[in-house]
């Protein structure tokens, strides 16, 4: 049976051919001939927004038309994802996809799109590690102390997230499955309030991205216990990985992926793939992304599709094993 990535390529190629046969006037129109919207499913100033705005100027330069970042935040990024899934596959409405909205949340609740069939992956812009953090006043100093404390304490540690099915929620659930740690989920409506309550000691810990927690770590209000990726983070070189801390094989990151609606014609996919590639070679953008703790990826549409396929399957298993029931 052909892979999801192969099916996407075949469908996109067929659609491009049908478009040329059925609409010759449109086929002759040079793409792009007007401004393009790059939709972000999260509020201004968040990680997804920052990354989209960092590469948008170079995308505009390469494509020859303005690439306008539009924030349509809410519902863990699914509002924007749904809007792009309904857009015409003409390359004028694109998405800065996120692991939460495009791989995690659809495993937990019903969303108005299929995470695999409703989109055309173009390129993974980058990945960001998560960090297990506790308030500076917490008595817990290491990851093993956290695990041990959670198992023996009558009052179980609670962890914050920016909502059910988000990166913080499912990373913590995978951690629980890998370690047997007994942690209680406290979902918030966004990462900002979750971090504020963590700093204040209202909640005990969080699994959040480097850009979100780094200012608080540097300010001394949060203590990092471990990073969730296979290797250490250059911006936090003294912080061990979860695997180094006694949980072999643990590896979680947050990815940002440029994607369009399903059936995006292959010539448009190729143009966007090249534009992202050139945007990620811009020295200023690369430096800023690195400073934020982003691992720059790039790569081909097929590689992006493989990442999406793998994570939809991975987080589906985590949700099933955790007994999290899909809801409306």
Protein backbone atom coordinates (compact mmCIF):
# COMPACT_ATOMS: atom_id res chain seq x y z
CA UNK A 1 0.00 0.00 0.00
CA UNK A 2 1.45 3.42 -0.91
CA UNK A 3 2.40 5.73 1.92
CA UNK A 4 0.43 8.86 2.80
CA UNK A 5 3.30 10.94 1.39
CA UNK A 6 3.17 9.05 -1.93
CA UNK A 7 -0.60 9.44 -2.18
CA UNK A 8 -0.28 13.17 -1.55
CA UNK A 9 2.28 13.53 -4.37
CA UNK A 10 0.10 11.58 -6.82
CA UNK A 11 -3.01 13.60 -5.96
CA UNK A 12 -1.15 16.92 -6.20
CA UNK A 13 0.27 15.98 -9.59
CA UNK A 14 -3.13 14.90 -10.92
CA UNK A 15 -4.73 18.11 -9.63
CA UNK A 16 -2.07 20.20 -11.32
CA UNK A 17 -2.77 18.43 -14.60
CA UNK A 18 -6.53 18.77 -14.28
CA UNK A 19 -6.14 22.45 -13.44
CA UNK A 20 -4.14 23.00 -16.61
CA UNK A 21 -6.68 21.14 -18.75
CA UNK A 22 -9.87 22.58 -17.26
CA UNK A 23 -8.88 26.17 -16.60
CA UNK A 24 -6.41 27.30 -19.26
CA UNK A 25 -6.78 31.00 -18.39
CA UNK A 26 -5.95 30.33 -14.75
CA UNK A 27 -3.13 28.02 -15.74
CA UNK A 28 -1.51 30.80 -17.72
CA UNK A 29 -1.63 33.22 -14.79
CA UNK A 30 1.76 33.54 -13.19
CA UNK A 31 1.82 32.45 -9.56
CA UNK A 32 1.90 34.38 -7.35
CA UNK A 33 0.23 37.47 -8.76
CA UNK A 34 -1.14 38.91 -5.51
CA UNK A 35 -0.35 38.91 -1.75
CA UNK A 36 -0.26 35.61 0.12
CA UNK A 37 -1.58 34.93 3.62
CA UNK A 38 0.53 32.83 5.98
CA UNK A 39 -1.84 31.92 8.76
CA UNK A 40 -0.70 31.39 12.36
CA UNK A 41 -2.97 29.64 14.84
CA UNK A 42 -1.54 31.30 17.92
CA UNK A 43 -1.38 34.79 19.40
CA UNK A 44 1.20 37.41 18.38
CA UNK A 45 4.47 37.05 20.25
CA UNK A 46 4.28 33.27 20.66
CA UNK A 47 6.80 30.87 19.18
CA UNK A 48 4.80 30.08 16.05
CA UNK A 49 4.15 33.76 15.38
CA UNK A 50 7.79 34.73 15.91
CA UNK A 51 9.05 32.06 13.52
CA UNK A 52 6.47 32.95 10.86
CA UNK A 53 7.39 36.64 11.02
CA UNK A 54 11.11 35.88 10.92
CA UNK A 55 10.91 34.07 7.60
CA UNK A 56 8.04 36.03 6.00
CA UNK A 57 10.22 38.87 4.61
CA UNK A 58 12.52 36.44 2.81
CA UNK A 59 9.55 34.42 1.55
CA UNK A 60 8.12 37.65 0.14
CA UNK A 61 11.42 38.45 -1.56
CA UNK A 62 11.74 35.01 -3.15
CA UNK A 63 8.11 34.67 -4.21
CA UNK A 64 7.86 38.24 -5.47
CA UNK A 65 4.67 39.05 -3.56
CA UNK A 66 4.00 40.10 0.05
CA UNK A 67 3.60 37.19 2.46
CA UNK A 68 1.32 38.56 5.16
CA UNK A 69 1.24 36.81 8.54
CA UNK A 70 -2.31 36.59 9.88
CA UNK A 71 -2.96 35.50 13.47
CA UNK A 72 -6.15 33.53 13.92
CA UNK A 73 -5.60 32.21 17.40
CA UNK A 74 -7.71 29.94 19.55
CA UNK A 75 -8.52 26.30 20.23
CA UNK A 76 -4.86 25.25 20.37
CA UNK A 77 -4.23 26.41 16.81
CA UNK A 78 -7.08 24.44 15.28
CA UNK A 79 -9.09 27.51 14.17
CA UNK A 80 -6.35 28.58 11.76
CA UNK A 81 -5.70 25.00 10.66
CA UNK A 82 -9.39 24.54 9.88
CA UNK A 83 -9.47 27.79 7.89
CA UNK A 84 -6.52 26.71 5.74
CA UNK A 85 -7.99 23.24 5.24
CA UNK A 86 -11.07 24.91 3.72
CA UNK A 87 -9.11 27.36 1.56
CA UNK A 88 -8.76 27.00 -2.19
CA UNK A 89 -5.62 25.02 -3.14
CA UNK A 90 -4.17 27.95 -5.07
CA UNK A 91 -1.20 28.85 -2.87
CA UNK A 92 -2.65 32.11 -1.57
CA UNK A 93 -3.60 30.79 1.88
CA UNK A 94 -0.86 28.87 3.67
CA UNK A 95 -0.36 27.72 7.26
CA UNK A 96 2.51 27.76 9.70
CA UNK A 97 1.53 24.36 11.03
CA UNK A 98 2.31 23.25 14.56
CA UNK A 99 2.65 19.82 16.13
CA UNK A 100 -0.22 20.60 18.53
CA UNK A 101 -2.83 21.64 15.99
CA UNK A 102 -1.70 19.29 13.22
CA UNK A 103 -0.77 16.08 15.05
CA UNK A 104 -1.73 16.16 18.74
CA UNK A 105 -5.11 17.84 19.17
CA UNK A 106 -6.77 15.76 16.41
CA UNK A 107 -5.91 12.65 18.45
CA UNK A 108 -7.72 14.03 21.49
CA UNK A 109 -10.77 15.82 20.12
CA UNK A 110 -12.80 16.06 16.97
CA UNK A 111 -11.57 18.78 14.65
CA UNK A 112 -13.06 19.90 11.29
CA UNK A 113 -10.15 18.53 9.28
CA UNK A 114 -8.15 15.36 8.80
CA UNK A 115 -4.55 15.87 9.99
CA UNK A 116 -3.18 13.90 7.03
CA UNK A 117 -5.65 14.31 4.18
CA UNK A 118 -6.59 17.97 4.63
CA UNK A 119 -3.11 19.47 4.10
CA UNK A 120 -0.15 19.50 1.75
CA UNK A 121 3.12 19.57 3.74
CA UNK A 122 5.81 21.81 2.22
CA UNK A 123 8.74 22.06 4.65
CA UNK A 124 9.61 21.75 8.32
CA UNK A 125 11.01 25.16 9.25
CA UNK A 126 12.47 23.99 12.53
CA UNK A 127 12.00 22.13 15.77
CA UNK A 128 12.15 23.39 19.33
CA UNK A 129 12.93 21.26 22.38
CA UNK A 130 10.73 21.37 25.43
CA UNK A 131 12.10 21.84 28.93
CA UNK A 132 10.82 20.31 32.15
CA UNK A 133 10.70 23.28 34.51
CA UNK A 134 9.68 23.83 38.14
CA UNK A 135 9.38 27.03 40.17
CA UNK A 136 12.65 28.31 41.62
CA UNK A 137 11.30 27.68 45.13
CA UNK A 138 10.50 24.02 44.41
CA UNK A 139 12.34 21.48 46.57
CA UNK A 140 12.76 19.27 43.48
CA UNK A 141 16.24 19.64 42.00
CA UNK A 142 16.44 16.77 39.49
CA UNK A 143 14.18 14.75 37.25
CA UNK A 144 14.69 11.61 39.32
CA UNK A 145 13.69 13.53 42.44
CA UNK A 146 10.51 14.58 40.65
CA UNK A 147 9.69 11.00 39.67
CA UNK A 148 10.36 9.70 43.18
CA UNK A 149 8.38 12.50 44.82
CA UNK A 150 5.39 11.90 42.55
CA UNK A 151 5.26 8.23 43.52
CA UNK A 152 5.51 8.65 47.30
CA UNK A 153 3.73 11.94 47.97
CA UNK A 154 0.08 11.86 49.02
CA UNK A 155 -0.46 15.13 47.17
CA UNK A 156 0.60 14.38 43.62
CA UNK A 157 2.52 17.06 41.69
CA UNK A 158 0.44 18.83 39.07
CA UNK A 159 1.61 20.05 35.71
CA UNK A 160 0.29 22.94 33.65
CA UNK A 161 -0.49 22.94 29.95
CA UNK A 162 -1.98 25.39 27.48
CA UNK A 163 -4.91 23.04 26.87
CA UNK A 164 -6.00 19.47 26.34
CA UNK A 165 -4.08 17.80 23.54
CA UNK A 166 -1.34 20.43 23.39
CA UNK A 167 2.41 19.87 23.35
CA UNK A 168 2.74 20.32 27.11
CA UNK A 169 -0.10 17.93 27.86
CA UNK A 170 0.98 15.05 25.64
CA UNK A 171 4.71 15.41 26.38
CA UNK A 172 3.86 15.02 30.06
CA UNK A 173 1.59 12.05 29.34
CA UNK A 174 4.40 10.34 27.39
CA UNK A 175 6.73 11.08 30.32
CA UNK A 176 4.25 9.47 32.72
CA UNK A 177 4.05 6.38 30.52
CA UNK A 178 7.84 6.13 30.31
CA UNK A 179 8.53 6.61 34.03
CA UNK A 180 5.43 5.72 36.00
CA UNK A 181 5.42 9.22 37.47
CA UNK A 182 2.08 10.14 39.02
CA UNK A 183 1.25 13.64 37.81
CA UNK A 184 -2.04 15.55 37.65
CA UNK A 185 -2.94 17.59 34.56
CA UNK A 186 -4.07 21.22 34.99
CA UNK A 187 -5.10 22.60 31.57
CA UNK A 188 -5.14 26.36 30.93
CA UNK A 189 -6.53 28.30 28.00
CA UNK A 190 -3.07 29.41 26.93
CA UNK A 191 0.62 29.11 27.67
CA UNK A 192 0.92 32.63 29.15
CA UNK A 193 -1.29 32.06 32.18
CA UNK A 194 0.12 28.56 32.66
CA UNK A 195 3.64 29.96 32.92
CA UNK A 196 2.53 32.82 35.19
CA UNK A 197 0.99 30.34 37.62
CA UNK A 198 4.04 28.12 37.42
CA UNK A 199 6.34 31.01 38.33
CA UNK A 200 3.99 31.86 41.21
CA UNK A 201 4.04 28.28 42.48
CA UNK A 202 0.33 27.68 41.85
CA UNK A 203 1.30 24.61 39.80
CA UNK A 204 4.32 22.37 40.26
CA UNK A 205 5.86 21.88 36.83
CA UNK A 206 5.48 22.27 33.08
CA UNK A 207 6.83 20.87 29.83
CA UNK A 208 7.16 23.94 27.62
CA UNK A 209 9.31 25.14 24.75
CA UNK A 210 12.72 26.78 25.08
CA UNK A 211 11.58 30.21 23.77
CA UNK A 212 8.75 30.30 26.32
CA UNK A 213 10.72 29.33 29.42
CA UNK A 214 14.21 30.64 28.62
CA UNK A 215 13.59 34.22 29.87
CA UNK A 216 12.26 32.85 33.17
CA UNK A 217 15.20 30.47 33.54
CA UNK A 218 17.63 33.33 32.94
CA UNK A 219 15.70 35.50 35.41
CA UNK A 220 15.99 32.80 38.04
CA UNK A 221 12.24 32.30 38.50
CA UNK A 222 12.12 28.82 36.95
CA UNK A 223 14.52 25.89 37.40
CA UNK A 224 15.13 23.59 34.42
CA UNK A 225 15.34 19.89 35.23
CA UNK A 226 15.83 18.43 31.74
CA UNK A 227 15.29 19.01 28.03
CA UNK A 228 13.09 16.59 26.13
CA UNK A 229 15.19 16.02 22.99
CA UNK A 230 17.93 13.45 22.35
CA UNK A 231 20.68 16.06 22.59
CA UNK A 232 21.28 19.03 24.86
CA UNK A 233 20.26 22.54 23.86
CA UNK A 234 23.03 25.05 23.03
CA UNK A 235 21.20 27.82 24.88
CA UNK A 236 20.99 25.58 28.00
CA UNK A 237 24.21 23.58 27.79
CA UNK A 238 24.26 22.57 31.46
CA UNK A 239 20.75 21.14 31.46
CA UNK A 240 20.71 17.35 30.89
CA UNK A 241 18.31 15.57 28.57
CA UNK A 242 15.46 13.46 29.91
CA UNK A 243 17.30 10.43 28.51
CA UNK A 244 20.49 11.39 30.35
CA UNK A 245 18.41 11.74 33.49
CA UNK A 246 17.44 8.10 33.49
CA UNK A 247 14.64 7.77 30.90
CA UNK A 248 16.29 6.06 27.89
CA UNK A 249 14.91 6.82 24.45
CA UNK A 250 12.76 9.77 25.50
CA UNK A 251 12.64 12.28 22.63
CA UNK A 252 10.02 14.99 22.16
CA UNK A 253 10.20 18.22 20.21
CA UNK A 254 7.84 20.83 18.85
CA UNK A 255 7.90 21.39 15.10
CA UNK A 256 6.78 24.25 12.87
CA UNK A 257 5.81 23.28 9.34
CA UNK A 258 4.77 25.33 6.32
CA UNK A 259 1.78 23.64 4.72
CA UNK A 260 -1.08 24.40 2.38
CA UNK A 261 -4.54 22.98 1.78
CA UNK A 262 -4.90 19.51 0.35
CA UNK A 263 -4.38 19.12 -3.42
CA UNK A 264 -1.96 22.04 -3.67
CA UNK A 265 -0.52 21.73 -7.21
CA UNK A 266 3.02 20.42 -7.33
CA UNK A 267 4.48 23.52 -9.09
CA UNK A 268 3.24 25.67 -6.19
CA UNK A 269 4.58 23.18 -3.65
CA UNK A 270 7.96 23.34 -5.37
CA UNK A 271 7.97 27.16 -5.39
CA UNK A 272 7.20 27.25 -1.68
CA UNK A 273 9.75 24.58 -0.87
CA UNK A 274 12.44 26.63 -2.60
CA UNK A 275 11.27 29.83 -0.88
CA UNK A 276 11.46 28.24 2.58
CA UNK A 277 14.89 26.83 1.76
CA UNK A 278 16.16 30.28 0.81
CA UNK A 279 14.52 31.92 3.82
CA UNK A 280 16.36 29.52 6.11
CA UNK A 281 19.72 30.44 4.55
CA UNK A 282 19.32 34.10 5.53
CA UNK A 283 22.05 34.74 8.15
CA UNK A 284 20.00 37.14 10.29
CA UNK A 285 17.00 34.82 10.37
CA UNK A 286 19.18 31.79 11.14
CA UNK A 287 20.88 33.58 14.02
CA UNK A 288 17.59 34.73 15.50
CA UNK A 289 16.07 31.28 15.18
CA UNK A 290 19.12 29.72 16.84
CA UNK A 291 19.00 32.26 19.66
CA UNK A 292 15.41 31.17 20.30
CA UNK A 293 16.55 27.59 20.70
CA UNK A 294 15.23 26.50 17.31
CA UNK A 295 16.89 23.65 15.44
CA UNK A 296 16.68 24.72 11.78
CA UNK A 297 15.48 21.88 9.55
CA UNK A 298 14.28 22.78 6.04
CA UNK A 299 14.18 19.75 3.79
CA UNK A 300 11.80 18.51 1.11
CA UNK A 301 8.00 18.23 1.00
CA UNK A 302 8.36 14.45 1.19
CA UNK A 303 10.44 14.76 4.36
CA UNK A 304 7.86 17.13 5.86
CA UNK A 305 5.08 14.65 5.02
CA UNK A 306 7.05 11.87 6.71
CA UNK A 307 7.37 13.96 9.89
CA UNK A 308 3.64 14.65 9.89
CA UNK A 309 2.76 11.00 9.27
CA UNK A 310 5.05 9.78 12.03
CA UNK A 311 3.83 12.24 14.64
CA UNK A 312 0.14 11.71 13.90
CA UNK A 313 0.76 8.00 14.53
CA UNK A 314 2.99 8.60 17.57
CA UNK A 315 0.65 10.94 19.42
CA UNK A 316 -2.35 8.82 18.52
CA UNK A 317 -0.68 5.93 20.36
CA UNK A 318 0.15 8.13 23.36
CA UNK A 319 -3.46 9.30 23.62
CA UNK A 320 -4.76 5.73 23.32
CA UNK A 321 -2.30 4.35 25.90
CA UNK A 322 -3.12 7.20 28.30
CA UNK A 323 -6.82 6.48 27.99
CA UNK A 324 -7.59 10.05 26.92
CA UNK A 325 -11.03 10.04 25.35
CA UNK A 326 -11.70 12.07 22.20
CA UNK A 327 -14.22 14.83 22.80
CA UNK A 328 -16.07 17.42 20.73
